């Protein structure tokens, strides 16, 4: 068994427990989570919001964060402009960003999510330009990937909220809230003991 913390990371909170930058200190995980010896399983940008998973169990951390496992992650994304179907299809098929072509993704337009909390500070809107909401599910995790993908099709990201990682979601968590779950990990197979070869008796 392993303990897992589900945390709704607010906007402009570092995804670590200390701030190494000199100058005015920034908010960190230590301002919200008092549980000792837990670490993020994966990352979430300073200017992104939403679900972050933390655990002190190395096997569980690897299971969640390992690129080889391709655990799907779903984001709610507000973009600048009235995004069209051609741009949505391009995001689904894969777009070319600086470090190569992205994998196919699941992308669809959605209305603004119900019961969405206001962001502090709020998103800056331009009166003459509409905005759109997308639900994007990825199975890879490049640096600032969602923002780079929407920019590549001409619709810059204004707000980014991670809603789901695998089977875990933000449901019931307000910004800054967290809850704990106990996870039953599959028992690792014990290595098979190598049997020594049977020796034939020597003939006299």
C-alpha atoms as a PDB file:
ATOM      1  CA  UNK A   1       0.000   0.000   0.000  1.00  0.00           C
ATOM      2  CA  UNK A   2       1.060   3.601  -0.579  1.00  0.00           C
ATOM      3  CA  UNK A   3      -0.316   6.991   0.400  1.00  0.00           C
ATOM      4  CA  UNK A   4      -1.163   9.474  -2.340  1.00  0.00           C
ATOM      5  CA  UNK A   5      -2.030  13.163  -1.938  1.00  0.00           C
ATOM      6  CA  UNK A   6      -4.300  14.835  -4.503  1.00  0.00           C
ATOM      7  CA  UNK A   7      -3.683  18.598  -4.468  1.00  0.00           C
ATOM      8  CA  UNK A   8      -5.381  21.400  -6.410  1.00  0.00           C
ATOM      9  CA  UNK A   9      -2.395  23.649  -7.055  1.00  0.00           C
ATOM     10  CA  UNK A  10      -3.368  27.321  -7.300  1.00  0.00           C
ATOM     11  CA  UNK A  11      -2.042  29.697  -9.930  1.00  0.00           C
ATOM     12  CA  UNK A  12       1.502  30.976  -9.299  1.00  0.00           C
ATOM     13  CA  UNK A  13       2.518  28.335  -6.771  1.00  0.00           C
ATOM     14  CA  UNK A  14       5.833  26.565  -7.320  1.00  0.00           C
ATOM     15  CA  UNK A  15       5.674  22.808  -7.832  1.00  0.00           C
ATOM     16  CA  UNK A  16       8.319  22.291  -5.109  1.00  0.00           C
ATOM     17  CA  UNK A  17       8.703  22.835  -1.386  1.00  0.00           C
ATOM     18  CA  UNK A  18      11.375  25.564  -1.501  1.00  0.00           C
ATOM     19  CA  UNK A  19      12.064  28.625  -3.638  1.00  0.00           C
ATOM     20  CA  UNK A  20      15.693  28.810  -4.714  1.00  0.00           C
ATOM     21  CA  UNK A  21      15.339  32.164  -6.467  1.00  0.00           C
ATOM     22  CA  UNK A  22      16.701  35.250  -4.764  1.00  0.00           C
ATOM     23  CA  UNK A  23      14.393  38.203  -4.134  1.00  0.00           C
ATOM     24  CA  UNK A  24      10.763  38.219  -3.081  1.00  0.00           C
ATOM     25  CA  UNK A  25       9.753  34.675  -2.082  1.00  0.00           C
ATOM     26  CA  UNK A  26       7.112  32.881  -4.099  1.00  0.00           C
ATOM     27  CA  UNK A  27       4.421  30.539  -2.797  1.00  0.00           C
ATOM     28  CA  UNK A  28       5.484  26.871  -2.684  1.00  0.00           C
ATOM     29  CA  UNK A  29       3.936  23.514  -1.811  1.00  0.00           C
ATOM     30  CA  UNK A  30       5.137  24.025   1.775  1.00  0.00           C
ATOM     31  CA  UNK A  31       2.495  26.747   2.169  1.00  0.00           C
ATOM     32  CA  UNK A  32      -0.253  24.159   1.642  1.00  0.00           C
ATOM     33  CA  UNK A  33       1.017  20.650   2.437  1.00  0.00           C
ATOM     34  CA  UNK A  34       2.445  19.731   5.848  1.00  0.00           C
ATOM     35  CA  UNK A  35       2.861  16.004   5.258  1.00  0.00           C
ATOM     36  CA  UNK A  36       6.579  15.148   5.570  1.00  0.00           C
ATOM     37  CA  UNK A  37       8.618  13.196   3.019  1.00  0.00           C
ATOM     38  CA  UNK A  38       6.272  13.472   0.057  1.00  0.00           C
ATOM     39  CA  UNK A  39       7.274  14.635  -3.423  1.00  0.00           C
ATOM     40  CA  UNK A  40       5.438  15.565  -6.632  1.00  0.00           C
ATOM     41  CA  UNK A  41       4.881  12.745  -9.101  1.00  0.00           C
ATOM     42  CA  UNK A  42       5.408  14.881 -12.190  1.00  0.00           C
ATOM     43  CA  UNK A  43       5.385  18.631 -12.659  1.00  0.00           C
ATOM     44  CA  UNK A  44       2.913  21.467 -13.130  1.00  0.00           C
ATOM     45  CA  UNK A  45       4.065  24.898 -14.261  1.00  0.00           C
ATOM     46  CA  UNK A  46       4.114  27.891 -11.917  1.00  0.00           C
ATOM     47  CA  UNK A  47       1.484  29.639 -14.052  1.00  0.00           C
ATOM     48  CA  UNK A  48      -0.741  26.558 -14.437  1.00  0.00           C
ATOM     49  CA  UNK A  49      -3.406  25.325 -12.031  1.00  0.00           C
ATOM     50  CA  UNK A  50      -4.983  22.060 -11.067  1.00  0.00           C
ATOM     51  CA  UNK A  51      -4.240  18.497 -10.132  1.00  0.00           C
ATOM     52  CA  UNK A  52      -0.857  17.585  -8.692  1.00  0.00           C
ATOM     53  CA  UNK A  53      -0.151  14.162  -7.174  1.00  0.00           C
ATOM     54  CA  UNK A  54       2.361  13.705  -4.349  1.00  0.00           C
ATOM     55  CA  UNK A  55       3.658  10.577  -2.663  1.00  0.00           C
ATOM     56  CA  UNK A  56       6.586   9.314  -0.638  1.00  0.00           C
ATOM     57  CA  UNK A  57       6.489   5.920  -2.362  1.00  0.00           C
ATOM     58  CA  UNK A  58       9.092   5.617  -5.110  1.00  0.00           C
ATOM     59  CA  UNK A  59       7.290   2.846  -7.004  1.00  0.00           C
ATOM     60  CA  UNK A  60       4.037   4.829  -7.114  1.00  0.00           C
ATOM     61  CA  UNK A  61       5.872   7.992  -8.101  1.00  0.00           C
ATOM     62  CA  UNK A  62       7.511   6.143 -11.010  1.00  0.00           C
ATOM     63  CA  UNK A  63       4.214   4.571 -12.032  1.00  0.00           C
ATOM     64  CA  UNK A  64       2.585   8.013 -12.317  1.00  0.00           C
ATOM     65  CA  UNK A  65       5.425  10.080 -13.756  1.00  0.00           C
ATOM     66  CA  UNK A  66       7.264   7.624 -16.005  1.00  0.00           C
ATOM     67  CA  UNK A  67       7.041   8.623 -19.714  1.00  0.00           C
ATOM     68  CA  UNK A  68       7.081   4.932 -20.670  1.00  0.00           C
ATOM     69  CA  UNK A  69       3.713   4.344 -19.011  1.00  0.00           C
ATOM     70  CA  UNK A  70       2.024   7.141 -21.023  1.00  0.00           C
ATOM     71  CA  UNK A  71      -0.509   7.862 -18.247  1.00  0.00           C
ATOM     72  CA  UNK A  72      -3.140  10.167 -19.831  1.00  0.00           C
ATOM     73  CA  UNK A  73      -3.506  13.693 -18.481  1.00  0.00           C
ATOM     74  CA  UNK A  74      -6.531  15.882 -19.213  1.00  0.00           C
ATOM     75  CA  UNK A  75      -6.448  19.681 -19.227  1.00  0.00           C
ATOM     76  CA  UNK A  76      -9.077  22.409 -19.403  1.00  0.00           C
ATOM     77  CA  UNK A  77      -7.609  25.117 -21.590  1.00  0.00           C
ATOM     78  CA  UNK A  78      -8.877  28.628 -22.246  1.00  0.00           C
ATOM     79  CA  UNK A  79      -7.435  30.026 -25.472  1.00  0.00           C
ATOM     80  CA  UNK A  80      -7.558  33.441 -27.065  1.00  0.00           C
ATOM     81  CA  UNK A  81      -9.833  33.561 -30.107  1.00  0.00           C
ATOM     82  CA  UNK A  82     -12.764  31.559 -31.479  1.00  0.00           C
ATOM     83  CA  UNK A  83     -10.929  28.339 -32.286  1.00  0.00           C
ATOM     84  CA  UNK A  84     -12.051  26.560 -35.473  1.00  0.00           C
ATOM     85  CA  UNK A  85     -12.356  22.896 -36.360  1.00  0.00           C
ATOM     86  CA  UNK A  86      -9.218  22.943 -38.516  1.00  0.00           C
ATOM     87  CA  UNK A  87      -7.148  24.012 -35.497  1.00  0.00           C
ATOM     88  CA  UNK A  88      -8.822  21.382 -33.288  1.00  0.00           C
ATOM     89  CA  UNK A  89      -8.091  18.682 -35.885  1.00  0.00           C
ATOM     90  CA  UNK A  90      -4.456  19.793 -36.110  1.00  0.00           C
ATOM     91  CA  UNK A  91      -4.108  19.483 -32.330  1.00  0.00           C
ATOM     92  CA  UNK A  92      -5.639  15.995 -32.491  1.00  0.00           C
ATOM     93  CA  UNK A  93      -3.335  14.844 -35.286  1.00  0.00           C
ATOM     94  CA  UNK A  94      -0.156  16.326 -33.815  1.00  0.00           C
ATOM     95  CA  UNK A  95       1.541  19.671 -34.371  1.00  0.00           C
ATOM     96  CA  UNK A  96       5.182  20.518 -34.889  1.00  0.00           C
ATOM     97  CA  UNK A  97       6.757  22.387 -31.998  1.00  0.00           C
ATOM     98  CA  UNK A  98      10.402  23.190 -31.303  1.00  0.00           C
ATOM     99  CA  UNK A  99      11.312  19.680 -30.113  1.00  0.00           C
ATOM    100  CA  UNK A 100       9.406  17.785 -32.781  1.00  0.00           C
ATOM    101  CA  UNK A 101       5.955  16.536 -33.720  1.00  0.00           C
ATOM    102  CA  UNK A 102       3.565  15.949 -30.837  1.00  0.00           C
ATOM    103  CA  UNK A 103       1.759  12.640 -30.443  1.00  0.00           C
ATOM    104  CA  UNK A 104      -1.908  12.443 -31.454  1.00  0.00           C
ATOM    105  CA  UNK A 105      -4.122  13.874 -28.705  1.00  0.00           C
ATOM    106  CA  UNK A 106      -7.807  13.874 -27.811  1.00  0.00           C
ATOM    107  CA  UNK A 107      -9.107  17.431 -28.191  1.00  0.00           C
ATOM    108  CA  UNK A 108     -12.618  18.874 -28.188  1.00  0.00           C
ATOM    109  CA  UNK A 109     -14.303  22.211 -27.672  1.00  0.00           C
ATOM    110  CA  UNK A 110     -16.219  22.521 -24.406  1.00  0.00           C
ATOM    111  CA  UNK A 111     -18.240  25.227 -22.670  1.00  0.00           C
ATOM    112  CA  UNK A 112     -16.564  26.936 -19.739  1.00  0.00           C
ATOM    113  CA  UNK A 113     -16.399  24.235 -17.034  1.00  0.00           C
ATOM    114  CA  UNK A 114     -19.199  24.432 -14.466  1.00  0.00           C
ATOM    115  CA  UNK A 115     -18.330  25.704 -10.975  1.00  0.00           C
ATOM    116  CA  UNK A 116     -14.934  26.899 -12.166  1.00  0.00           C
ATOM    117  CA  UNK A 117     -13.279  29.049  -9.520  1.00  0.00           C
ATOM    118  CA  UNK A 118     -12.090  32.575 -10.379  1.00  0.00           C
ATOM    119  CA  UNK A 119      -8.372  32.871 -10.904  1.00  0.00           C
ATOM    120  CA  UNK A 120      -6.322  35.246  -8.759  1.00  0.00           C
ATOM    121  CA  UNK A 121      -5.159  37.413 -10.458  1.00  0.00           C
ATOM    122  CA  UNK A 122      -7.821  37.127 -13.174  1.00  0.00           C
ATOM    123  CA  UNK A 123      -7.071  36.366 -16.817  1.00  0.00           C
ATOM    124  CA  UNK A 124      -6.592  39.515 -18.877  1.00  0.00           C
ATOM    125  CA  UNK A 125      -9.202  39.707 -21.609  1.00  0.00           C
ATOM    126  CA  UNK A 126      -9.293  41.928 -24.675  1.00  0.00           C
ATOM    127  CA  UNK A 127     -12.825  43.142 -25.268  1.00  0.00           C
ATOM    128  CA  UNK A 128     -12.695  42.749 -29.050  1.00  0.00           C
ATOM    129  CA  UNK A 129     -11.340  39.171 -28.984  1.00  0.00           C
ATOM    130  CA  UNK A 130     -13.453  36.190 -27.848  1.00  0.00           C
ATOM    131  CA  UNK A 131     -12.060  33.182 -25.999  1.00  0.00           C
ATOM    132  CA  UNK A 132     -12.692  29.437 -26.308  1.00  0.00           C
ATOM    133  CA  UNK A 133     -12.389  26.454 -23.965  1.00  0.00           C
ATOM    134  CA  UNK A 134     -10.848  23.119 -24.932  1.00  0.00           C
ATOM    135  CA  UNK A 135     -10.465  19.767 -23.228  1.00  0.00           C
ATOM    136  CA  UNK A 136      -7.099  18.278 -24.196  1.00  0.00           C
ATOM    137  CA  UNK A 137      -5.874  14.808 -23.208  1.00  0.00           C
ATOM    138  CA  UNK A 138      -2.201  13.994 -23.737  1.00  0.00           C
ATOM    139  CA  UNK A 139      -0.127  10.855 -23.247  1.00  0.00           C
ATOM    140  CA  UNK A 140       3.196  12.672 -23.175  1.00  0.00           C
ATOM    141  CA  UNK A 141       4.571  15.496 -21.067  1.00  0.00           C
ATOM    142  CA  UNK A 142       6.981  17.867 -22.769  1.00  0.00           C
ATOM    143  CA  UNK A 143       7.896  21.179 -21.165  1.00  0.00           C
ATOM    144  CA  UNK A 144       4.953  23.632 -21.446  1.00  0.00           C
ATOM    145  CA  UNK A 145       3.515  21.376 -24.134  1.00  0.00           C
ATOM    146  CA  UNK A 146      -0.130  22.489 -24.103  1.00  0.00           C
ATOM    147  CA  UNK A 147       0.796  26.166 -24.345  1.00  0.00           C
ATOM    148  CA  UNK A 148       3.184  25.492 -27.223  1.00  0.00           C
ATOM    149  CA  UNK A 149       0.618  23.357 -29.051  1.00  0.00           C
ATOM    150  CA  UNK A 150      -2.179  25.938 -28.947  1.00  0.00           C
ATOM    151  CA  UNK A 151       0.257  28.714 -29.938  1.00  0.00           C
ATOM    152  CA  UNK A 152       1.387  26.600 -32.918  1.00  0.00           C
ATOM    153  CA  UNK A 153      -2.172  26.590 -34.315  1.00  0.00           C
ATOM    154  CA  UNK A 154      -2.656  30.308 -33.682  1.00  0.00           C
ATOM    155  CA  UNK A 155      -4.647  30.304 -30.424  1.00  0.00           C
ATOM    156  CA  UNK A 156      -2.489  31.269 -27.409  1.00  0.00           C
ATOM    157  CA  UNK A 157      -3.346  29.729 -24.050  1.00  0.00           C
ATOM    158  CA  UNK A 158      -4.764  32.162 -21.486  1.00  0.00           C
ATOM    159  CA  UNK A 159      -5.543  29.730 -18.680  1.00  0.00           C
ATOM    160  CA  UNK A 160      -4.481  26.123 -18.118  1.00  0.00           C
ATOM    161  CA  UNK A 161      -6.013  23.750 -15.558  1.00  0.00           C
ATOM    162  CA  UNK A 162      -5.043  20.098 -15.228  1.00  0.00           C
ATOM    163  CA  UNK A 163      -8.221  18.222 -14.370  1.00  0.00           C
ATOM    164  CA  UNK A 164      -7.251  14.546 -14.560  1.00  0.00           C
ATOM    165  CA  UNK A 165      -4.214  12.267 -14.242  1.00  0.00           C
ATOM    166  CA  UNK A 166      -5.067   8.646 -15.034  1.00  0.00           C
ATOM    167  CA  UNK A 167      -8.148   7.860 -12.909  1.00  0.00           C
ATOM    168  CA  UNK A 168      -7.618  10.725 -10.430  1.00  0.00           C
ATOM    169  CA  UNK A 169      -9.454  14.044 -10.858  1.00  0.00           C
ATOM    170  CA  UNK A 170      -9.916  17.427  -9.221  1.00  0.00           C
ATOM    171  CA  UNK A 171     -13.499  16.586  -8.220  1.00  0.00           C
ATOM    172  CA  UNK A 172     -14.322  18.092  -4.826  1.00  0.00           C
ATOM    173  CA  UNK A 173     -11.064  20.048  -4.484  1.00  0.00           C
ATOM    174  CA  UNK A 174     -10.992  23.836  -4.411  1.00  0.00           C
ATOM    175  CA  UNK A 175      -7.718  25.697  -5.061  1.00  0.00           C
ATOM    176  CA  UNK A 176      -5.258  24.999  -2.247  1.00  0.00           C
ATOM    177  CA  UNK A 177      -7.219  21.971  -0.973  1.00  0.00           C
ATOM    178  CA  UNK A 178      -5.879  18.427  -0.871  1.00  0.00           C
ATOM    179  CA  UNK A 179      -6.993  14.962   0.196  1.00  0.00           C
ATOM    180  CA  UNK A 180      -5.240  11.653   0.764  1.00  0.00           C
ATOM    181  CA  UNK A 181      -5.916   8.205  -0.669  1.00  0.00           C
ATOM    182  CA  UNK A 182      -4.418   4.800   0.047  1.00  0.00           C
ATOM    183  CA  UNK A 183      -3.299   3.024  -3.114  1.00  0.00           C
ATOM    184  CA  UNK A 184      -2.928  -0.754  -3.316  1.00  0.00           C
ATOM    185  CA  UNK A 185       0.068  -1.379  -5.538  1.00  0.00           C
ATOM    186  CA  UNK A 186       0.398  -4.660  -7.439  1.00  0.00           C
ATOM    187  CA  UNK A 187       2.864  -6.959  -5.721  1.00  0.00           C
ATOM    188  CA  UNK A 188       6.123  -7.063  -7.605  1.00  0.00           C
ATOM    189  CA  UNK A 189       7.023 -10.482  -8.852  1.00  0.00           C
ATOM    190  CA  UNK A 190       9.814 -12.035  -6.858  1.00  0.00           C
ATOM    191  CA  UNK A 191      12.826 -12.927  -8.995  1.00  0.00           C
ATOM    192  CA  UNK A 192      12.934 -16.582  -9.776  1.00  0.00           C
ATOM    193  CA  UNK A 193      15.749 -18.465  -8.112  1.00  0.00           C
ATOM    194  CA  UNK A 194      18.142 -19.943 -10.566  1.00  0.00           C
ATOM    195  CA  UNK A 195      18.367 -23.678 -10.112  1.00  0.00           C
ATOM    196  CA  UNK A 196      21.792 -25.240 -10.270  1.00  0.00           C
ATOM    197  CA  UNK A 197      22.137 -27.836 -13.009  1.00  0.00           C
ATOM    198  CA  UNK A 198      21.671 -31.428 -11.920  1.00  0.00           C
ATOM    199  CA  UNK A 199      24.894 -33.332 -12.047  1.00  0.00           C
ATOM    200  CA  UNK A 200      24.929 -36.813 -13.407  1.00  0.00           C
ATOM    201  CA  UNK A 201      26.539 -39.368 -11.129  1.00  0.00           C
ATOM    202  CA  UNK A 202      29.953 -40.437 -12.271  1.00  0.00           C
ATOM    203  CA  UNK A 203      30.314 -43.989 -13.529  1.00  0.00           C
ATOM    204  CA  UNK A 204      32.702 -46.099 -11.587  1.00  0.00           C
END
